[in-house]
Amino acid sequence: MTETVHRYDCLILGSGAAGLSLALRLPAQSAVAVVSKRELSEGSTVYAQGGISAVLDANDSVQSHVQDTLKAGAGLCDPRVVRMVVEHGPRNIQWLLDQGVAFTRNAEYVSAGGYHLTREGGHTHRRIVHAADATGLAVATTLEAQVRDRPNINVHEQHIAVDLITSRHLGDQRAHRCLGAYILNLATGRVETYLARFVVLATGGASKVYLYTSNPDVSTGDGIAMAWRAGCRVANMEFMQFHPTCLYHPLARSYLITEALRGEGARLLLPDGERFMPRFDARAELAPRDIVARAIDHEMKRLGSDCVYLDISHRPADFIIEHFPTIHARCLELGIDITREPIPVVPASHYTCGGVIVDDQARTDLAGLYASGETAYTGLHGANRMASNSLLECLVYSELAAADITRLMTKSGELLEAPPWDESRVTEPDEEVVVTHNWDELRRFMWDYVGIVRTNKRLRRAKRRADLLHQEVIEYYSNFRVSNDLIELRNLLEVADLIIQSALRRRESRGLHYTSDFPDKDRSQRAPTILIPDGYRPRGRNE
């Protein structure tokens, strides 16, 4: 069979806000590919309900947003990065407006230019600009329409990256550059070669490593795993954020209940109706997510309860329906009228605060390789991401990456050829049930042993199981033709090991990492947890 080779100036892996906004910011004369595992809009962005944090109100300030972010990050944010991202916020909101995103307006918010701003946990001001309670959907659909309208951008849906192509594939162990990626075409079942001068990882996070998650099925840590295998450092993988309020209902898997409800006065209640958050934090329901999630987890375990309840029914019904139309409609479908009764909720894995280490231009350790969004570790989030800072971060770093790629395009050389994907020694899988069983086992032991509350005993138990599964999957990967499930399982196992290693190294409780063995914060550990792969070497100045 003839090998299929694609050639581009820039190859973007991922189709959320990070990937699409970057594609739109590249020169119109450049050849760009956007690769999406499913349909173009099927990523975490479309499920983001709350909004985007930015200093838009005259009564707010950059310094206030910076301080709120640093406090939520529990001492591990990079203050310089935090300030840079916050300062870039307003112009990125304007960029979205220029693309046609219709944010919710309210004439009473004169000091915010007429845009309605809400408030979420950790924020001392109203600074969340939103499109009702479906901000991610508004952003994703607007950017998707723009991307499909650009003749220089080719969209490849139903494609999943297998691995990055680097100089080492050419037998050059001294060079240290990304040349493209091997990508499985899910329609044909064949792996194709994509060569590019620049490659961007915008594949999202890894929350699917846990049994319960608010994320879509595509959040399998692909970019983090591929970058690690290619020789890039990762950082802070122990800080996995659990969203406190995911709808608890057998027919509503992964349905998030936005933090904006709590910002508008919703209260967390025990099954008997008792409000419990004031016992855990003076900020009550508006405490950062790690505190709220641990409080819910504690109360559920103490009472043996399947869930707790989030109640906003004390607010006027018209207010609730106007501000949260999507949640109101979805809950009604399930027989829950949120204007009259509380919503059953549980914590669920939600956001990967760590990731591939990048610099101020979103460049990784591998020349020609960039990362943006949840895939990247920038230093913004520290030990805990503050609500609605995620879309802000991906927009800012995609802007920075696009500027750097545009600057370097005129200087980059010709595309190098790469060896074709070798399937000569593999056969069709004989027992795909092995993949399914390993997938289920991984997600369950990660939930049980590496979840909201950890111990070293649980972490070591998880490490043994991860090592065993990893060996099984590597053997399976080496002998059989790759599939979507196998690729994702391989990546999730890689990421699970990174999370466990990082958690074992942090011998304190800080932010999202809470261990019963070391329940207190240790000031001597105020540094990111950096993991270095075998064969790593620092990026040269001239690369």
Protein backbone atom coordinates (compact mmCIF):
# COMPACT_ATOMS: atom_id res chain seq x y z
CA MET A 1 0.00 0.00 0.00
CA THR A 2 1.31 3.46 -0.93
CA GLU A 3 2.26 5.55 2.07
CA THR A 4 0.21 8.72 2.65
CA VAL A 5 2.38 11.75 3.48
CA HIS A 6 1.01 15.20 4.35
CA ARG A 7 3.19 18.34 4.42
CA TYR A 8 2.36 21.57 6.25
CA ASP A 9 3.97 24.66 7.68
CA CYS A 10 2.20 24.08 11.00
CA LEU A 11 0.55 20.96 12.37
CA ILE A 12 -1.85 21.54 15.27
CA LEU A 13 -2.90 18.48 17.26
CA GLY A 14 -6.17 19.31 19.01
CA SER A 15 -9.26 21.32 18.16
CA GLY A 16 -10.28 23.13 21.35
CA ALA A 17 -9.89 26.83 22.03
CA ALA A 18 -6.09 26.52 22.21
CA GLY A 19 -5.73 24.82 18.83
CA LEU A 20 -8.37 26.73 16.88
CA SER A 21 -7.38 30.18 18.17
CA LEU A 22 -3.76 29.47 17.27
CA ALA A 23 -4.68 28.33 13.77
CA LEU A 24 -6.64 31.53 13.17
CA ARG A 25 -3.72 33.69 14.28
CA LEU A 26 -1.21 32.21 11.82
CA PRO A 27 -0.50 33.98 8.50
CA ALA A 28 -3.10 33.43 5.79
CA GLN A 29 -0.38 32.29 3.36
CA SER A 30 0.80 29.47 5.65
CA ALA A 31 -0.38 25.89 5.21
CA VAL A 32 -1.98 24.77 8.48
CA ALA A 33 -3.46 21.43 9.54
CA VAL A 34 -5.79 20.99 12.51
CA VAL A 35 -6.10 17.36 13.61
CA SER A 36 -9.09 16.33 15.73
CA LYS A 37 -9.68 12.94 17.35
CA ARG A 38 -13.42 13.20 16.83
CA GLU A 39 -15.50 15.99 15.31
CA LEU A 40 -13.82 19.38 15.39
CA SER A 41 -15.90 20.64 18.30
CA GLU A 42 -15.64 17.52 20.49
CA GLY A 43 -13.15 18.72 23.11
CA SER A 44 -13.23 20.08 26.63
CA THR A 45 -13.78 23.66 25.46
CA VAL A 46 -17.33 23.01 24.31
CA TYR A 47 -18.24 21.75 27.79
CA ALA A 48 -16.86 24.79 29.65
CA GLN A 49 -19.87 26.47 31.21
CA GLY A 50 -18.60 29.23 33.50
CA GLY A 51 -16.60 31.67 31.41
CA ILE A 52 -13.25 33.42 31.03
CA SER A 53 -11.62 35.50 33.74
CA ALA A 54 -10.27 38.91 32.73
CA VAL A 55 -9.99 42.38 34.22
CA LEU A 56 -12.80 44.16 32.36
CA ASP A 57 -14.44 46.11 35.18
CA ALA A 58 -13.12 49.56 36.08
CA ASN A 59 -13.53 48.60 39.74
CA ASP A 60 -11.28 45.56 39.30
CA SER A 61 -7.50 45.57 38.79
CA VAL A 62 -4.68 43.50 37.34
CA GLN A 63 -3.08 43.35 40.78
CA SER A 64 -6.25 41.92 42.31
CA HIS A 65 -6.52 39.20 39.66
CA VAL A 66 -2.83 38.40 40.13
CA GLN A 67 -3.16 38.13 43.91
CA ASP A 68 -6.27 35.94 43.69
CA THR A 69 -4.47 33.58 41.29
CA LEU A 70 -1.35 33.40 43.46
CA LYS A 71 -3.44 32.65 46.55
CA ALA A 72 -5.38 29.88 44.80
CA GLY A 73 -2.10 28.40 43.51
CA ALA A 74 -0.91 27.81 47.10
CA GLY A 75 2.57 29.22 46.65
CA LEU A 76 3.54 27.38 43.45
CA CYS A 77 2.49 29.86 40.76
CA ASP A 78 5.19 31.73 38.87
CA PRO A 79 4.34 35.38 39.74
CA ARG A 80 5.92 36.70 36.53
CA VAL A 81 3.82 34.33 34.38
CA VAL A 82 0.66 35.13 36.33
CA ARG A 83 1.07 38.84 35.72
CA MET A 84 1.83 38.35 32.03
CA VAL A 85 -1.26 36.20 31.47
CA VAL A 86 -3.55 38.52 33.42
CA GLU A 87 -2.25 41.56 31.52
CA HIS A 88 -2.95 39.78 28.21
CA GLY A 89 -6.53 38.96 29.29
CA PRO A 90 -8.55 41.97 28.08
CA ARG A 91 -7.09 41.97 24.57
CA ASN A 92 -7.82 38.26 24.18
CA ILE A 93 -11.45 38.87 25.18
CA GLN A 94 -11.52 41.61 22.55
CA TRP A 95 -10.06 39.16 20.02
CA LEU A 96 -12.91 36.74 20.75
CA LEU A 97 -15.42 39.55 20.35
CA ASP A 98 -13.83 40.39 17.01
CA GLN A 99 -14.31 36.76 15.94
CA GLY A 100 -18.00 37.03 16.78
CA VAL A 101 -18.35 35.42 20.22
CA ALA A 102 -21.56 36.79 21.76
CA PHE A 103 -20.90 37.26 25.46
CA THR A 104 -23.85 37.97 27.75
CA ARG A 105 -24.56 41.68 28.14
CA ASN A 106 -26.25 43.65 30.91
CA ALA A 107 -26.74 47.39 30.67
CA GLU A 108 -26.36 47.72 34.44
CA TYR A 109 -22.68 46.74 34.20
CA VAL A 110 -21.56 50.15 32.93
CA SER A 111 -18.09 49.86 34.47
CA ALA A 112 -17.56 46.59 32.53
CA GLY A 113 -18.54 48.01 29.16
CA GLY A 114 -22.03 46.57 29.43
CA TYR A 115 -20.92 42.94 29.72
CA HIS A 116 -22.38 40.87 32.53
CA LEU A 117 -19.64 39.57 34.81
CA THR A 118 -20.06 36.76 37.29
CA ARG A 119 -17.89 35.63 40.19
CA GLU A 120 -16.50 32.20 40.99
CA GLY A 121 -14.46 30.55 43.75
CA GLY A 122 -11.21 32.32 44.64
CA HIS A 123 -12.08 35.59 42.86
CA THR A 124 -12.53 38.72 44.97
CA HIS A 125 -14.27 40.58 42.13
CA ARG A 126 -16.78 39.82 39.42
CA ARG A 127 -14.49 39.23 36.44
CA ILE A 128 -15.90 36.21 34.60
CA VAL A 129 -17.20 37.18 31.17
CA HIS A 130 -19.55 34.52 29.86
CA ALA A 131 -22.15 33.50 27.30
CA ALA A 132 -25.02 32.52 29.63
CA ASP A 133 -23.94 29.13 31.07
CA ALA A 134 -22.50 27.77 27.82
CA THR A 135 -19.41 29.91 27.25
CA GLY A 136 -17.28 27.08 25.90
CA LEU A 137 -19.93 26.17 23.36
CA ALA A 138 -20.14 29.78 22.17
CA VAL A 139 -16.35 30.03 21.84
CA ALA A 140 -15.94 26.63 20.19
CA THR A 141 -18.69 27.06 17.60
CA THR A 142 -17.55 30.57 16.69
CA LEU A 143 -13.92 29.53 16.23
CA GLU A 144 -14.91 26.39 14.35
CA ALA A 145 -16.90 28.42 11.84
CA GLN A 146 -13.92 30.74 11.31
CA VAL A 147 -11.50 27.83 10.86
CA ARG A 148 -13.71 26.08 8.32
CA ASP A 149 -13.90 29.33 6.38
CA ARG A 150 -10.11 29.73 6.04
CA PRO A 151 -8.75 28.21 2.81
CA ASN A 152 -5.24 27.80 4.27
CA ILE A 153 -6.46 25.62 7.17
CA ASN A 154 -7.10 21.94 6.47
CA VAL A 155 -9.21 20.10 9.04
CA HIS A 156 -8.58 16.38 9.65
CA GLU A 157 -11.36 14.97 11.81
CA GLN A 158 -11.47 11.39 13.12
CA HIS A 159 -7.67 11.28 13.29
CA ILE A 160 -5.57 10.50 16.37
CA ALA A 161 -1.83 11.09 16.77
CA VAL A 162 0.21 8.00 17.62
CA ASP A 163 3.61 9.60 18.25
CA LEU A 164 5.71 12.59 17.37
CA ILE A 165 8.35 12.31 14.67
CA THR A 166 11.72 13.66 15.82
CA SER A 167 15.25 13.85 14.47
CA ARG A 168 15.95 10.55 16.19
CA HIS A 169 13.68 8.83 13.66
CA LEU A 170 16.27 9.87 11.04
CA GLY A 171 19.06 8.29 13.06
CA ASP A 172 20.41 11.66 14.20
CA GLN A 173 20.86 11.38 17.95
CA ARG A 174 22.48 14.82 18.20
CA ALA A 175 19.73 16.86 16.63
CA HIS A 176 16.79 17.65 18.83
CA ARG A 177 13.87 18.74 16.70
CA CYS A 178 10.25 17.77 16.10
CA LEU A 179 9.50 17.01 12.44
CA GLY A 180 5.84 16.02 12.52
CA ALA A 181 3.69 13.15 13.75
CA TYR A 182 2.43 9.70 12.86
CA ILE A 183 -1.37 9.91 12.84
CA LEU A 184 -3.97 7.15 12.67
CA ASN A 185 -6.80 7.81 10.22
CA LEU A 186 -9.76 6.26 12.03
CA ALA A 187 -11.76 5.97 8.80
CA THR A 188 -9.16 3.80 7.04
CA GLY A 189 -7.41 2.27 10.05
CA ARG A 190 -4.04 3.26 8.57
CA VAL A 191 -1.26 5.38 10.07
CA GLU A 192 -0.27 8.36 7.92
CA THR A 193 2.80 10.61 8.09
CA TYR A 194 2.36 14.32 8.75
CA LEU A 195 5.47 16.47 8.30
CA ALA A 196 5.58 20.08 9.46
CA ARG A 197 8.03 22.83 10.27
CA PHE A 198 6.17 23.46 13.50
CA VAL A 199 3.99 21.18 15.60
CA VAL A 200 1.62 22.35 18.34
CA LEU A 201 0.25 20.13 21.09
CA ALA A 202 -3.23 21.38 22.02
CA THR A 203 -4.69 18.02 22.96
CA GLY A 204 -6.14 18.96 26.34
CA GLY A 205 -5.73 17.27 29.69
CA ALA A 206 -5.78 13.76 31.12
CA SER A 207 -8.82 13.62 33.41
CA LYS A 208 -10.04 10.43 31.72
CA VAL A 209 -7.36 8.65 33.76
CA TYR A 210 -9.92 8.68 36.58
CA LEU A 211 -13.13 6.68 36.89
CA TYR A 212 -15.31 9.76 37.40
CA THR A 213 -14.64 12.87 35.35
CA SER A 214 -16.41 15.95 34.05
CA ASN A 215 -14.37 15.73 30.85
CA PRO A 216 -15.32 14.22 27.48
CA ASP A 217 -13.89 10.86 26.42
CA VAL A 218 -11.12 12.48 24.36
CA SER A 219 -9.26 13.82 27.46
CA THR A 220 -6.66 11.05 27.55
CA GLY A 221 -3.41 12.98 27.99
CA ASP A 222 -2.17 12.30 24.46
CA GLY A 223 -0.01 15.41 24.09
CA ILE A 224 1.62 15.02 27.50
CA ALA A 225 2.43 11.37 26.86
CA MET A 226 3.79 11.96 23.35
CA ALA A 227 5.96 14.88 24.48
CA TRP A 228 7.34 12.81 27.38
CA ARG A 229 8.24 9.95 25.04
CA ALA A 230 9.90 12.45 22.68
CA GLY A 231 12.17 13.75 25.47
CA CYS A 232 10.31 16.74 26.96
CA ARG A 233 10.14 17.48 30.68
CA VAL A 234 6.81 17.64 32.48
CA ALA A 235 5.91 19.38 35.74
CA ASN A 236 3.33 19.34 38.56
CA MET A 237 1.45 16.26 37.43
CA GLU A 238 0.38 15.52 41.01
CA PHE A 239 -1.98 18.50 40.87
CA MET A 240 -5.12 17.06 39.29
CA GLN A 241 -8.13 19.25 39.96
CA PHE A 242 -11.40 17.68 41.00
CA HIS A 243 -14.40 19.83 40.24
CA PRO A 244 -16.62 19.83 43.33
CA THR A 245 -19.94 19.68 41.53
CA CYS A 246 -20.62 17.14 38.81
CA LEU A 247 -24.26 16.10 38.45
CA TYR A 248 -24.94 12.80 40.20
CA HIS A 249 -27.43 10.95 38.03
CA PRO A 250 -27.19 7.61 36.19
CA LEU A 251 -28.26 9.25 32.92
CA ALA A 252 -25.95 12.26 33.15
CA ARG A 253 -22.43 10.92 32.96
CA SER A 254 -19.81 13.71 33.05
CA TYR A 255 -22.31 16.57 33.25
CA LEU A 256 -20.71 19.53 34.99
CA ILE A 257 -22.61 21.96 37.21
CA THR A 258 -20.77 25.26 36.78
CA GLU A 259 -19.14 27.01 39.70
CA ALA A 260 -21.03 30.13 38.64
CA LEU A 261 -24.06 28.75 40.50
CA ARG A 262 -22.13 29.10 43.74
CA GLY A 263 -20.97 32.51 42.55
CA GLU A 264 -24.63 33.50 42.36
CA GLY A 265 -25.45 32.19 45.83
CA ALA A 266 -26.01 28.42 45.53
CA ARG A 267 -25.37 26.54 48.78
CA LEU A 268 -23.95 23.08 49.36
CA LEU A 269 -26.16 20.93 51.60
CA LEU A 270 -25.98 17.54 53.25
CA PRO A 271 -28.84 15.06 52.60
CA ASP A 272 -30.61 16.36 55.72
CA GLY A 273 -30.46 19.95 54.39
CA GLU A 274 -27.60 21.17 56.62
CA ARG A 275 -25.24 23.67 55.03
CA PHE A 276 -21.67 22.45 55.70
CA MET A 277 -19.10 24.58 53.84
CA PRO A 278 -18.82 27.30 56.55
CA ARG A 279 -17.38 24.59 58.83
CA PHE A 280 -14.47 24.09 56.41
CA ASP A 281 -13.58 27.57 55.18
CA ALA A 282 -14.56 31.18 55.91
CA ARG A 283 -15.26 31.66 52.20
CA ALA A 284 -17.79 28.81 52.35
CA GLU A 285 -19.02 27.85 48.86
CA LEU A 286 -16.69 30.39 47.27
CA ALA A 287 -13.52 28.73 48.58
CA PRO A 288 -11.13 27.39 45.90
CA ARG A 289 -12.06 24.12 44.27
CA ASP A 290 -9.58 21.93 46.15
CA ILE A 291 -11.04 22.97 49.50
CA VAL A 292 -14.65 22.50 48.37
CA ALA A 293 -13.93 19.13 46.74
CA ARG A 294 -12.16 17.81 49.86
CA ALA A 295 -15.00 19.04 52.07
CA ILE A 296 -17.58 17.22 49.93
CA ASP A 297 -15.40 14.09 49.83
CA HIS A 298 -15.04 14.22 53.64
CA GLU A 299 -18.77 14.59 54.25
CA MET A 300 -19.70 11.84 51.79
CA LYS A 301 -17.28 9.42 53.43
CA ARG A 302 -18.32 10.45 56.96
CA LEU A 303 -21.99 9.89 56.22
CA GLY A 304 -21.65 7.08 53.69
CA SER A 305 -23.63 9.25 51.30
CA ASP A 306 -23.60 8.84 47.52
CA CYS A 307 -23.71 12.62 46.96
CA VAL A 308 -24.38 16.04 48.46
CA TYR A 309 -26.74 18.71 47.15
CA LEU A 310 -26.32 22.12 45.52
CA ASP A 311 -29.28 24.41 46.09
CA ILE A 312 -30.02 27.69 44.30
CA SER A 313 -33.81 27.41 44.60
CA HIS A 314 -33.91 30.35 47.05
CA ARG A 315 -33.13 32.69 44.12
CA PRO A 316 -36.03 33.87 41.90
CA ALA A 317 -36.99 31.34 39.23
CA ASP A 318 -36.68 33.92 36.44
CA PHE A 319 -33.14 34.76 37.57
CA ILE A 320 -32.11 31.08 37.57
CA ILE A 321 -33.57 30.37 34.14
CA GLU A 322 -32.05 33.52 32.63
CA HIS A 323 -28.56 32.92 34.00
CA PHE A 324 -28.41 29.11 33.75
CA PRO A 325 -30.69 28.09 30.87
CA THR A 326 -28.61 25.09 29.77
CA ILE A 327 -28.31 23.57 33.25
CA HIS A 328 -31.98 24.26 33.97
CA ALA A 329 -33.07 22.53 30.76
CA ARG A 330 -30.75 19.54 31.22
CA CYS A 331 -31.82 18.98 34.83
CA LEU A 332 -35.49 19.25 33.84
CA GLU A 333 -34.91 16.46 31.30
CA LEU A 334 -33.76 14.32 34.24
CA GLY A 335 -36.70 15.28 36.45
CA ILE A 336 -34.90 17.91 38.55
CA ASP A 337 -36.37 21.42 38.69
CA ILE A 338 -33.50 23.54 40.00
CA THR A 339 -35.86 26.47 40.63
CA ARG A 340 -37.62 24.32 43.26
CA GLU A 341 -35.19 21.65 44.47
CA PRO A 342 -31.45 21.04 45.02
CA ILE A 343 -29.17 19.30 42.53
CA PRO A 344 -27.40 16.05 43.58
CA VAL A 345 -23.64 16.51 42.98
CA VAL A 346 -20.32 14.71 43.49
CA PRO A 347 -16.69 15.69 42.83
CA ALA A 348 -15.11 14.48 39.58
CA SER A 349 -11.68 14.84 37.98
CA HIS A 350 -11.75 18.01 35.96
CA TYR A 351 -8.45 19.66 35.07
CA THR A 352 -4.76 18.77 34.69
CA CYS A 353 -2.78 21.61 36.30
CA GLY A 354 0.57 20.11 35.29
CA GLY A 355 1.80 19.25 31.83
CA VAL A 356 4.57 19.75 29.29
CA ILE A 357 6.96 22.50 30.37
CA VAL A 358 6.87 25.52 28.05
CA ASP A 359 8.49 28.95 28.00
CA ASP A 360 6.94 32.37 27.40
CA GLN A 361 6.44 31.58 23.69
CA ALA A 362 4.82 28.20 24.45
CA ARG A 363 7.97 26.39 23.24
CA THR A 364 8.74 22.95 24.72
CA ASP A 365 12.19 21.38 25.21
CA LEU A 366 12.04 20.03 21.66
CA ALA A 367 12.78 22.55 18.90
CA GLY A 368 9.79 23.07 16.61
CA LEU A 369 7.35 21.71 19.20
CA TYR A 370 4.91 23.97 21.06
CA ALA A 371 2.20 23.26 23.64
CA SER A 372 -0.80 25.33 24.66
CA GLY A 373 -3.83 24.92 26.86
CA GLU A 374 -4.31 22.12 29.35
CA THR A 375 -1.49 20.10 27.77
CA ALA A 376 1.08 22.69 28.86
CA TYR A 377 2.65 23.63 32.17
CA THR A 378 3.21 27.38 32.11
CA GLY A 379 3.49 28.25 35.80
CA LEU A 380 0.12 30.02 35.89
CA HIS A 381 -1.88 27.55 37.97
CA GLY A 382 0.61 26.39 40.58
CA ALA A 383 -0.89 23.85 42.98
CA ASN A 384 -4.48 24.70 42.07
CA ARG A 385 -6.15 26.35 39.09
CA MET A 386 -8.46 29.21 39.92
CA ALA A 387 -11.85 29.03 38.25
CA SER A 388 -12.07 30.36 34.67
CA ASN A 389 -8.32 30.91 34.32
CA SER A 390 -8.04 27.93 31.95
CA LEU A 391 -9.58 29.42 28.81
CA LEU A 392 -7.67 32.61 29.56
CA GLU A 393 -4.38 30.71 29.66
CA CYS A 394 -4.95 28.80 26.44
CA LEU A 395 -5.91 31.96 24.54
CA VAL A 396 -2.86 33.87 25.78
CA TYR A 397 -0.35 31.10 25.08
CA SER A 398 -1.81 30.36 21.67
CA GLU A 399 -1.41 34.06 20.88
CA LEU A 400 2.24 33.90 22.02
CA ALA A 401 2.91 30.67 20.13
CA ALA A 402 1.37 32.01 16.92
CA ALA A 403 3.54 35.12 17.13
CA ASP A 404 6.71 33.04 17.59
CA ILE A 405 5.84 30.58 14.81
CA THR A 406 5.03 33.46 12.46
CA ARG A 407 8.38 35.07 13.25
CA LEU A 408 10.29 31.84 12.61
CA MET A 409 8.46 30.73 9.47
CA THR A 410 10.68 32.76 7.17
CA LYS A 411 13.80 31.33 8.83
CA SER A 412 12.88 27.63 8.89
CA GLY A 413 14.39 25.31 6.33
CA GLU A 414 12.84 22.74 4.04
CA LEU A 415 10.81 19.87 5.42
CA LEU A 416 12.87 16.76 6.09
CA GLU A 417 11.62 13.37 5.02
CA ALA A 418 10.84 10.75 7.66
CA PRO A 419 10.66 6.96 7.57
CA PRO A 420 7.15 5.60 7.00
CA TRP A 421 5.18 3.99 9.79
CA ASP A 422 6.27 0.35 9.97
CA GLU A 423 3.44 -2.19 10.18
CA SER A 424 5.37 -5.04 8.60
CA ARG A 425 5.66 -7.05 11.83
CA VAL A 426 2.26 -6.51 13.38
CA THR A 427 -0.99 -8.43 13.08
CA GLU A 428 -4.65 -7.73 13.77
CA PRO A 429 -5.45 -7.76 17.52
CA ASP A 430 -6.54 -11.19 18.75
CA GLU A 431 -8.02 -10.22 22.13
CA GLU A 432 -9.20 -6.61 22.23
CA VAL A 433 -10.95 -7.41 25.50
CA VAL A 434 -7.49 -7.06 27.09
CA VAL A 435 -7.49 -3.36 26.22
CA THR A 436 -10.97 -2.88 27.66
CA HIS A 437 -10.12 -4.65 30.91
CA ASN A 438 -6.85 -2.75 31.34
CA TRP A 439 -8.62 0.53 30.66
CA ASP A 440 -11.21 -0.17 33.38
CA GLU A 441 -8.61 -1.36 35.88
CA LEU A 442 -6.46 1.73 35.36
CA ARG A 443 -9.25 4.24 35.88
CA ARG A 444 -10.57 2.45 38.97
CA PHE A 445 -7.26 2.14 40.84
CA MET A 446 -6.38 5.74 39.99
CA TRP A 447 -9.71 6.83 41.54
CA ASP A 448 -9.21 4.63 44.61
CA TYR A 449 -5.51 5.26 45.26
CA VAL A 450 -4.56 8.56 43.58
CA GLY A 451 -7.73 10.57 44.08
CA ILE A 452 -8.76 13.52 46.24
CA VAL A 453 -7.09 12.18 49.43
CA ARG A 454 -3.88 10.13 49.09
CA THR A 455 -1.41 8.15 51.20
CA ASN A 456 2.03 6.82 50.28
CA LYS A 457 0.76 3.28 50.77
CA ARG A 458 -2.01 3.86 48.24
CA LEU A 459 0.38 5.57 45.82
CA ARG A 460 2.89 2.69 45.95
CA ARG A 461 0.04 0.24 45.39
CA ALA A 462 -1.02 2.26 42.35
CA LYS A 463 2.57 2.36 41.06
CA ARG A 464 2.84 -1.45 41.11
CA ARG A 465 -0.38 -1.83 39.18
CA ALA A 466 0.56 0.88 36.69
CA ASP A 467 3.94 -0.75 36.02
CA LEU A 468 2.31 -4.12 35.38
CA LEU A 469 -0.33 -2.71 33.05
CA HIS A 470 2.29 -0.64 31.23
CA GLN A 471 4.32 -3.74 30.40
CA GLU A 472 1.23 -5.54 29.14
CA VAL A 473 0.23 -2.63 26.92
CA ILE A 474 3.75 -2.16 25.51
CA GLU A 475 3.79 -5.84 24.54
CA TYR A 476 0.36 -5.53 22.97
CA TYR A 477 1.35 -2.29 21.19
CA SER A 478 4.48 -3.94 19.74
CA ASN A 479 2.68 -6.94 18.28
CA PHE A 480 -0.66 -5.69 17.03
CA ARG A 481 -1.98 -3.02 14.70
CA VAL A 482 -2.78 0.17 16.60
CA SER A 483 -6.33 1.27 17.33
CA ASN A 484 -7.90 4.33 18.93
CA ASP A 485 -8.49 2.54 22.25
CA LEU A 486 -4.96 1.13 22.36
CA ILE A 487 -3.37 4.52 21.63
CA GLU A 488 -5.42 6.21 24.32
CA LEU A 489 -4.75 3.47 26.88
CA ARG A 490 -1.01 3.65 26.19
CA ASN A 491 -1.09 7.42 26.75
CA LEU A 492 -3.23 7.20 29.88
CA LEU A 493 -0.85 4.68 31.44
CA GLU A 494 2.07 6.99 30.66
CA VAL A 495 0.27 9.90 32.30
CA ALA A 496 -0.88 7.81 35.28
CA ASP A 497 2.74 6.92 35.99
CA LEU A 498 3.74 10.59 35.79
CA ILE A 499 0.98 11.52 38.25
CA ILE A 500 1.98 8.78 40.68
CA GLN A 501 5.71 9.59 40.47
CA SER A 502 5.02 13.27 41.09
CA ALA A 503 2.67 12.55 44.01
CA LEU A 504 5.25 10.31 45.68
CA ARG A 505 7.89 13.04 45.40
CA ARG A 506 5.76 15.72 47.09
CA ARG A 507 5.93 14.92 50.79
CA GLU A 508 3.50 17.59 51.94
CA SER A 509 -0.11 18.64 51.37
CA ARG A 510 -0.47 21.64 49.10
CA GLY A 511 -3.30 22.75 46.86
CA LEU A 512 -4.78 19.82 44.97
CA HIS A 513 -2.32 17.31 46.40
CA TYR A 514 -3.52 16.17 49.82
CA THR A 515 -1.86 13.24 51.58
CA SER A 516 -2.81 11.94 55.02
CA ASP A 517 0.85 11.02 55.63
CA PHE A 518 1.94 14.67 55.33
CA PRO A 519 -1.19 16.77 56.06
CA ASP A 520 0.63 20.09 56.45
CA LYS A 521 2.21 22.46 53.97
CA ASP A 522 6.05 22.49 53.95
CA ARG A 523 7.58 25.85 53.03
CA SER A 524 10.77 24.10 51.88
CA GLN A 525 8.83 22.45 49.05
CA ARG A 526 7.78 25.66 47.29
CA ALA A 527 8.98 24.52 43.88
CA PRO A 528 7.34 22.72 40.97
CA THR A 529 7.76 18.96 40.70
CA ILE A 530 9.77 18.44 37.51
CA LEU A 531 10.18 15.00 35.92
CA ILE A 532 12.99 14.50 33.42
CA PRO A 533 12.76 11.72 30.78
CA ASP A 534 15.59 9.38 29.86
CA GLY A 535 17.78 10.89 27.16
CA TYR A 536 16.70 14.45 27.96
CA ARG A 537 19.04 17.23 26.99
CA PRO A 538 18.52 21.01 27.28
CA ARG A 539 17.39 22.79 24.17
CA GLY A 540 20.20 24.63 22.41
CA ARG A 541 20.02 28.38 21.90
CA ASN A 542 20.20 28.08 18.13
CA GLU A 543 17.53 25.41 17.74
